[in-house]
PDB file of N, CA and C in Angstrom:
ATOM      1  N   MET A   1     -11.219  -2.047  -3.483  1.00  0.00           N
ATOM      2  CA  MET A   1     -11.305  -1.863  -2.058  1.00  0.00           C
ATOM      3  C   MET A   1     -12.771  -1.706  -1.678  1.00  0.00           C
ATOM      4  N   ARG A   2     -13.153  -2.337  -0.596  1.00  0.00           N
ATOM      5  CA  ARG A   2     -14.520  -2.194  -0.090  1.00  0.00           C
ATOM      6  C   ARG A   2     -14.496  -1.434   1.221  1.00  0.00           C
ATOM      7  N   THR A   3     -15.474  -0.558   1.357  1.00  0.00           N
ATOM      8  CA  THR A   3     -15.590   0.239   2.573  1.00  0.00           C
ATOM      9  C   THR A   3     -17.052   0.285   2.978  1.00  0.00           C
ATOM     10  N   ALA A   4     -17.316   0.128   4.250  1.00  0.00           N
ATOM     11  CA  ALA A   4     -18.689   0.224   4.748  1.00  0.00           C
ATOM     12  C   ALA A   4     -18.957   1.645   5.236  1.00  0.00           C
ATOM     13  N   THR A   5     -20.136   2.119   4.957  1.00  0.00           N
ATOM     14  CA  THR A   5     -20.575   3.420   5.452  1.00  0.00           C
ATOM     15  C   THR A   5     -21.681   3.186   6.469  1.00  0.00           C
ATOM     16  N   VAL A   6     -21.577   3.815   7.600  1.00  0.00           N
ATOM     17  CA  VAL A   6     -22.552   3.624   8.672  1.00  0.00           C
ATOM     18  C   VAL A   6     -23.670   4.656   8.564  1.00  0.00           C
ATOM     19  N   SER A   7     -24.688   4.479   9.378  1.00  0.00           N
ATOM     20  CA  SER A   7     -25.800   5.422   9.419  1.00  0.00           C
ATOM     21  C   SER A   7     -25.273   6.832   9.667  1.00  0.00           C
ATOM     22  N   GLY A   8     -25.716   7.776   8.861  1.00  0.00           N
ATOM     23  CA  GLY A   8     -25.253   9.150   8.977  1.00  0.00           C
ATOM     24  C   GLY A   8     -23.993   9.431   8.178  1.00  0.00           C
ATOM     25  N   GLY A   9     -23.417   8.392   7.587  1.00  0.00           N
ATOM     26  CA  GLY A   9     -22.198   8.553   6.803  1.00  0.00           C
ATOM     27  C   GLY A   9     -22.497   9.062   5.406  1.00  0.00           C
ATOM     28  N   PHE A  10     -21.453   9.235   4.635  1.00  0.00           N
ATOM     29  CA  PHE A  10     -21.640   9.728   3.274  1.00  0.00           C
ATOM     30  C   PHE A  10     -20.615   9.103   2.345  1.00  0.00           C
ATOM     31  N   PHE A  11     -20.893   9.201   1.069  1.00  0.00           N
ATOM     32  CA  PHE A  11     -19.980   8.702   0.049  1.00  0.00           C
ATOM     33  C   PHE A  11     -20.216   9.505  -1.221  1.00  0.00           C
ATOM     34  N   GLY A  12     -19.259   9.447  -2.134  1.00  0.00           N
ATOM     35  CA  GLY A  12     -19.385  10.173  -3.391  1.00  0.00           C
ATOM     36  C   GLY A  12     -18.891  11.602  -3.344  1.00  0.00           C
ATOM     37  N   GLU A  13     -18.391  12.019  -2.191  1.00  0.00           N
ATOM     38  CA  GLU A  13     -17.979  13.414  -2.031  1.00  0.00           C
ATOM     39  C   GLU A  13     -16.724  13.753  -2.822  1.00  0.00           C
ATOM     40  N   MET A  14     -15.892  12.767  -3.104  1.00  0.00           N
ATOM     41  CA  MET A  14     -14.659  13.060  -3.838  1.00  0.00           C
ATOM     42  C   MET A  14     -14.951  13.616  -5.227  1.00  0.00           C
ATOM     43  N   ALA A  15     -16.005  13.147  -5.855  1.00  0.00           N
ATOM     44  CA  ALA A  15     -16.377  13.662  -7.176  1.00  0.00           C
ATOM     45  C   ALA A  15     -16.782  15.131  -7.090  1.00  0.00           C
ATOM     46  N   LEU A  16     -17.357  15.539  -5.968  1.00  0.00           N
ATOM     47  CA  LEU A  16     -17.726  16.944  -5.790  1.00  0.00           C
ATOM     48  C   LEU A  16     -16.515  17.807  -5.457  1.00  0.00           C
ATOM     49  N   VAL A  17     -15.571  17.245  -4.717  1.00  0.00           N
ATOM     50  CA  VAL A  17     -14.404  18.006  -4.292  1.00  0.00           C
ATOM     51  C   VAL A  17     -13.464  18.291  -5.462  1.00  0.00           C
ATOM     52  N   ASN A  18     -13.209  17.271  -6.298  1.00  0.00           N
ATOM     53  CA  ASN A  18     -12.240  17.490  -7.374  1.00  0.00           C
ATOM     54  C   ASN A  18     -12.866  17.573  -8.764  1.00  0.00           C
ATOM     55  N   ASN A  19     -14.191  17.619  -8.816  1.00  0.00           N
ATOM     56  CA  ASN A  19     -14.918  17.815 -10.075  1.00  0.00           C
ATOM     57  C   ASN A  19     -14.538  16.794 -11.142  1.00  0.00           C
ATOM     58  N   LYS A  20     -14.410  15.530 -10.715  1.00  0.00           N
ATOM     59  CA  LYS A  20     -14.105  14.432 -11.632  1.00  0.00           C
ATOM     60  C   LYS A  20     -15.189  13.374 -11.472  1.00  0.00           C
ATOM     61  N   PRO A  21     -15.310  12.484 -12.460  1.00  0.00           N
ATOM     62  CA  PRO A  21     -16.311  11.419 -12.337  1.00  0.00           C
ATOM     63  C   PRO A  21     -16.064  10.588 -11.078  1.00  0.00           C
ATOM     64  N   ARG A  22     -17.135  10.064 -10.530  1.00  0.00           N
ATOM     65  CA  ARG A  22     -16.991   9.259  -9.317  1.00  0.00           C
ATOM     66  C   ARG A  22     -16.116   8.049  -9.610  1.00  0.00           C
ATOM     67  N   SER A  23     -15.451   7.560  -8.592  1.00  0.00           N
ATOM     68  CA  SER A  23     -14.503   6.468  -8.775  1.00  0.00           C
ATOM     69  C   SER A  23     -14.967   5.173  -8.126  1.00  0.00           C
ATOM     70  N   ALA A  24     -16.188   5.138  -7.622  1.00  0.00           N
ATOM     71  CA  ALA A  24     -16.669   3.947  -6.928  1.00  0.00           C
ATOM     72  C   ALA A  24     -18.161   3.755  -7.173  1.00  0.00           C
ATOM     73  N   THR A  25     -18.610   2.563  -6.855  1.00  0.00           N
ATOM     74  CA  THR A  25     -20.023   2.221  -6.940  1.00  0.00           C
ATOM     75  C   THR A  25     -20.485   1.793  -5.554  1.00  0.00           C
ATOM     76  N   ALA A  26     -21.671   2.205  -5.156  1.00  0.00           N
ATOM     77  CA  ALA A  26     -22.212   1.847  -3.843  1.00  0.00           C
ATOM     78  C   ALA A  26     -23.295   0.789  -4.005  1.00  0.00           C
ATOM     79  N   THR A  27     -23.296  -0.170  -3.086  1.00  0.00           N
ATOM     80  CA  THR A  27     -24.318  -1.207  -3.040  1.00  0.00           C
ATOM     81  C   THR A  27     -24.800  -1.324  -1.599  1.00  0.00           C
ATOM     82  N   ALA A  28     -26.116  -1.255  -1.401  1.00  0.00           N
ATOM     83  CA  ALA A  28     -26.683  -1.350  -0.049  1.00  0.00           C
ATOM     84  C   ALA A  28     -26.867  -2.807   0.349  1.00  0.00           C
ATOM     85  N   LYS A  29     -26.512  -3.139   1.591  1.00  0.00           N
ATOM     86  CA  LYS A  29     -26.744  -4.477   2.126  1.00  0.00           C
ATOM     87  C   LYS A  29     -28.163  -4.613   2.661  1.00  0.00           C
ATOM     88  N   THR A  30     -28.759  -3.490   3.069  1.00  0.00           N
ATOM     89  CA  THR A  30     -30.108  -3.472   3.618  1.00  0.00           C
ATOM     90  C   THR A  30     -30.853  -2.282   3.026  1.00  0.00           C
ATOM     91  N   ASP A  31     -32.141  -2.197   3.315  1.00  0.00           N
ATOM     92  CA  ASP A  31     -32.893  -1.013   2.903  1.00  0.00           C
ATOM     93  C   ASP A  31     -32.287   0.208   3.589  1.00  0.00           C
ATOM     94  N   CYS A  32     -32.257   1.314   2.880  1.00  0.00           N
ATOM     95  CA  CYS A  32     -31.707   2.532   3.463  1.00  0.00           C
ATOM     96  C   CYS A  32     -32.356   3.751   2.822  1.00  0.00           C
ATOM     97  N   VAL A  33     -32.186   4.869   3.470  1.00  0.00           N
ATOM     98  CA  VAL A  33     -32.682   6.144   2.958  1.00  0.00           C
ATOM     99  C   VAL A  33     -31.460   6.982   2.602  1.00  0.00           C
ATOM    100  N   LEU A  34     -31.442   7.491   1.382  1.00  0.00           N
ATOM    101  CA  LEU A  34     -30.319   8.305   0.918  1.00  0.00           C
ATOM    102  C   LEU A  34     -30.776   9.718   0.621  1.00  0.00           C
ATOM    103  N   VAL A  35     -29.873  10.649   0.750  1.00  0.00           N
ATOM    104  CA  VAL A  35     -30.136  12.035   0.393  1.00  0.00           C
ATOM    105  C   VAL A  35     -29.095  12.429  -0.642  1.00  0.00           C
ATOM    106  N   LYS A  36     -29.553  12.865  -1.791  1.00  0.00           N
ATOM    107  CA  LYS A  36     -28.637  13.315  -2.834  1.00  0.00           C
ATOM    108  C   LYS A  36     -28.319  14.787  -2.588  1.00  0.00           C
ATOM    109  N   VAL A  37     -27.040  15.096  -2.532  1.00  0.00           N
ATOM    110  CA  VAL A  37     -26.590  16.469  -2.324  1.00  0.00           C
ATOM    111  C   VAL A  37     -25.875  16.905  -3.597  1.00  0.00           C
ATOM    112  N   ASP A  38     -26.396  17.928  -4.254  1.00  0.00           N
ATOM    113  CA  ASP A  38     -25.740  18.386  -5.482  1.00  0.00           C
ATOM    114  C   ASP A  38     -24.565  19.303  -5.136  1.00  0.00           C
ATOM    115  N   GLU A  39     -23.821  19.696  -6.149  1.00  0.00           N
ATOM    116  CA  GLU A  39     -22.610  20.480  -5.931  1.00  0.00           C
ATOM    117  C   GLU A  39     -22.885  21.792  -5.199  1.00  0.00           C
ATOM    118  N   GLY A  40     -23.953  22.484  -5.571  1.00  0.00           N
ATOM    119  CA  GLY A  40     -24.287  23.748  -4.916  1.00  0.00           C
ATOM    120  C   GLY A  40     -24.592  23.566  -3.445  1.00  0.00           C
ATOM    121  N   ASP A  41     -25.395  22.546  -3.115  1.00  0.00           N
ATOM    122  CA  ASP A  41     -25.718  22.265  -1.714  1.00  0.00           C
ATOM    123  C   ASP A  41     -24.472  21.853  -0.934  1.00  0.00           C
ATOM    124  N   PHE A  42     -23.628  21.050  -1.575  1.00  0.00           N
ATOM    125  CA  PHE A  42     -22.396  20.596  -0.931  1.00  0.00           C
ATOM    126  C   PHE A  42     -21.527  21.788  -0.532  1.00  0.00           C
ATOM    127  N   TYR A  43     -21.297  22.700  -1.464  1.00  0.00           N
ATOM    128  CA  TYR A  43     -20.460  23.862  -1.162  1.00  0.00           C
ATOM    129  C   TYR A  43     -21.133  24.805  -0.170  1.00  0.00           C
ATOM    130  N   PHE A  44     -22.449  24.886  -0.191  1.00  0.00           N
ATOM    131  CA  PHE A  44     -23.164  25.675   0.812  1.00  0.00           C
ATOM    132  C   PHE A  44     -22.903  25.098   2.203  1.00  0.00           C
ATOM    133  N   LEU A  45     -23.026  23.766   2.326  1.00  0.00           N
ATOM    134  CA  LEU A  45     -22.788  23.117   3.620  1.00  0.00           C
ATOM    135  C   LEU A  45     -21.355  23.333   4.096  1.00  0.00           C
ATOM    136  N   ILE A  46     -20.390  23.205   3.192  1.00  0.00           N
ATOM    137  CA  ILE A  46     -18.984  23.417   3.555  1.00  0.00           C
ATOM    138  C   ILE A  46     -18.775  24.839   4.082  1.00  0.00           C
ATOM    139  N   GLN A  47     -19.389  25.820   3.413  1.00  0.00           N
ATOM    140  CA  GLN A  47     -19.184  27.222   3.780  1.00  0.00           C
ATOM    141  C   GLN A  47     -19.947  27.643   5.031  1.00  0.00           C
ATOM    142  N   HIS A  48     -21.103  27.034   5.282  1.00  0.00           N
ATOM    143  CA  HIS A  48     -21.970  27.509   6.361  1.00  0.00           C
ATOM    144  C   HIS A  48     -22.083  26.566   7.560  1.00  0.00           C
ATOM    145  N   SER A  49     -21.459  25.410   7.485  1.00  0.00           N
ATOM    146  CA  SER A  49     -21.527  24.477   8.603  1.00  0.00           C
ATOM    147  C   SER A  49     -20.122  23.977   8.941  1.00  0.00           C
ATOM    148  N   PRO A  50     -19.469  24.629   9.894  1.00  0.00           N
ATOM    149  CA  PRO A  50     -18.121  24.186  10.268  1.00  0.00           C
ATOM    150  C   PRO A  50     -18.071  22.716  10.689  1.00  0.00           C
ATOM    151  N   SER A  51     -19.113  22.231  11.347  1.00  0.00           N
ATOM    152  CA  SER A  51     -19.106  20.828  11.773  1.00  0.00           C
ATOM    153  C   SER A  51     -19.158  19.891  10.569  1.00  0.00           C
ATOM    154  N   PHE A  52     -19.917  20.256   9.534  1.00  0.00           N
ATOM    155  CA  PHE A  52     -19.958  19.452   8.307  1.00  0.00           C
ATOM    156  C   PHE A  52     -18.594  19.477   7.624  1.00  0.00           C
ATOM    157  N   ALA A  53     -17.993  20.659   7.518  1.00  0.00           N
ATOM    158  CA  ALA A  53     -16.682  20.788   6.872  1.00  0.00           C
ATOM    159  C   ALA A  53     -15.626  19.977   7.619  1.00  0.00           C
ATOM    160  N   LEU A  54     -15.647  20.019   8.943  1.00  0.00           N
ATOM    161  CA  LEU A  54     -14.686  19.262   9.738  1.00  0.00           C
ATOM    162  C   LEU A  54     -14.885  17.763   9.553  1.00  0.00           C
ATOM    163  N   GLU A  55     -16.120  17.318   9.558  1.00  0.00           N
ATOM    164  CA  GLU A  55     -16.405  15.894   9.346  1.00  0.00           C
ATOM    165  C   GLU A  55     -15.919  15.458   7.970  1.00  0.00           C
ATOM    166  N   MET A  56     -16.122  16.289   6.974  1.00  0.00           N
ATOM    167  CA  MET A  56     -15.656  15.989   5.623  1.00  0.00           C
ATOM    168  C   MET A  56     -14.133  15.840   5.610  1.00  0.00           C
ATOM    169  N   MET A  57     -13.425  16.756   6.272  1.00  0.00           N
ATOM    170  CA  MET A  57     -11.959  16.674   6.328  1.00  0.00           C
ATOM    171  C   MET A  57     -11.501  15.404   7.038  1.00  0.00           C
ATOM    172  N   LYS A  58     -12.179  15.031   8.117  1.00  0.00           N
ATOM    173  CA  LYS A  58     -11.819  13.818   8.852  1.00  0.00           C
ATOM    174  C   LYS A  58     -11.975  12.584   7.978  1.00  0.00           C
ATOM    175  N   VAL A  59     -13.087  12.501   7.266  1.00  0.00           N
ATOM    176  CA  VAL A  59     -13.340  11.337   6.407  1.00  0.00           C
ATOM    177  C   VAL A  59     -12.316  11.266   5.281  1.00  0.00           C
ATOM    178  N   LEU A  60     -12.056  12.392   4.632  1.00  0.00           N
ATOM    179  CA  LEU A  60     -11.076  12.403   3.542  1.00  0.00           C
ATOM    180  C   LEU A  60      -9.678  12.063   4.056  1.00  0.00           C
ATOM    181  N   ALA A  61      -9.304  12.586   5.219  1.00  0.00           N
ATOM    182  CA  ALA A  61      -7.993  12.275   5.794  1.00  0.00           C
ATOM    183  C   ALA A  61      -7.879  10.789   6.110  1.00  0.00           C
ATOM    184  N   GLU A  62      -8.928  10.201   6.645  1.00  0.00           N
ATOM    185  CA  GLU A  62      -8.917   8.771   6.957  1.00  0.00           C
ATOM    186  C   GLU A  62      -8.792   7.938   5.687  1.00  0.00           C
ATOM    187  N   ARG A  63      -9.458   8.345   4.629  1.00  0.00           N
ATOM    188  CA  ARG A  63      -9.355   7.612   3.359  1.00  0.00           C
ATOM    189  C   ARG A  63      -7.950   7.708   2.784  1.00  0.00           C
ATOM    190  N   VAL A  64      -7.338   8.867   2.863  1.00  0.00           N
ATOM    191  CA  VAL A  64      -5.956   9.020   2.392  1.00  0.00           C
ATOM    192  C   VAL A  64      -5.035   8.127   3.219  1.00  0.00           C
ATOM    193  N   ARG A  65      -5.201   8.141   4.529  1.00  0.00           N
ATOM    194  CA  ARG A  65      -4.370   7.320   5.410  1.00  0.00           C
ATOM    195  C   ARG A  65      -4.517   5.839   5.081  1.00  0.00           C
ATOM    196  N   ARG A  66      -5.748   5.384   4.900  1.00  0.00           N
ATOM    197  CA  ARG A  66      -6.001   3.980   4.580  1.00  0.00           C
ATOM    198  C   ARG A  66      -5.358   3.596   3.253  1.00  0.00           C
ATOM    199  N   ASN A  67      -5.445   4.473   2.274  1.00  0.00           N
ATOM    200  CA  ASN A  67      -4.893   4.168   0.950  1.00  0.00           C
ATOM    201  C   ASN A  67      -3.371   4.187   0.931  1.00  0.00           C
ATOM    202  N   THR A  68      -2.752   4.944   1.806  1.00  0.00           N
ATOM    203  CA  THR A  68      -1.289   4.995   1.818  1.00  0.00           C
ATOM    204  C   THR A  68      -0.677   3.922   2.706  1.00  0.00           C
ATOM    205  N   GLU A  69      -1.476   3.284   3.549  1.00  0.00           N
ATOM    206  CA  GLU A  69      -0.969   2.222   4.423  1.00  0.00           C
ATOM    207  C   GLU A  69      -0.891   0.884   3.715  1.00  0.00           C
ATOM    208  N   THR A  70      -1.569   0.737   2.595  1.00  0.00           N
ATOM    209  CA  THR A  70      -1.577  -0.567   1.918  1.00  0.00           C
ATOM    210  C   THR A  70      -0.545  -0.643   0.830  1.00  0.00           C
TER     211      THR A  70
END
């Protein structure tokens, strides 16, 4: 399955959530700037930024929905 991530989007979070190896590979179509967030930073953001936590839940819910519709 291929999925596009837009500016401000994120990927790779599932490996942080369930502590398993990542299940996908990312390839950029254009030059881009990435920020690596380690597990400690990820959990800090979840605990201290409700807007980040909500966005994470929305993205994960959308991915589950997409995977169950096919």
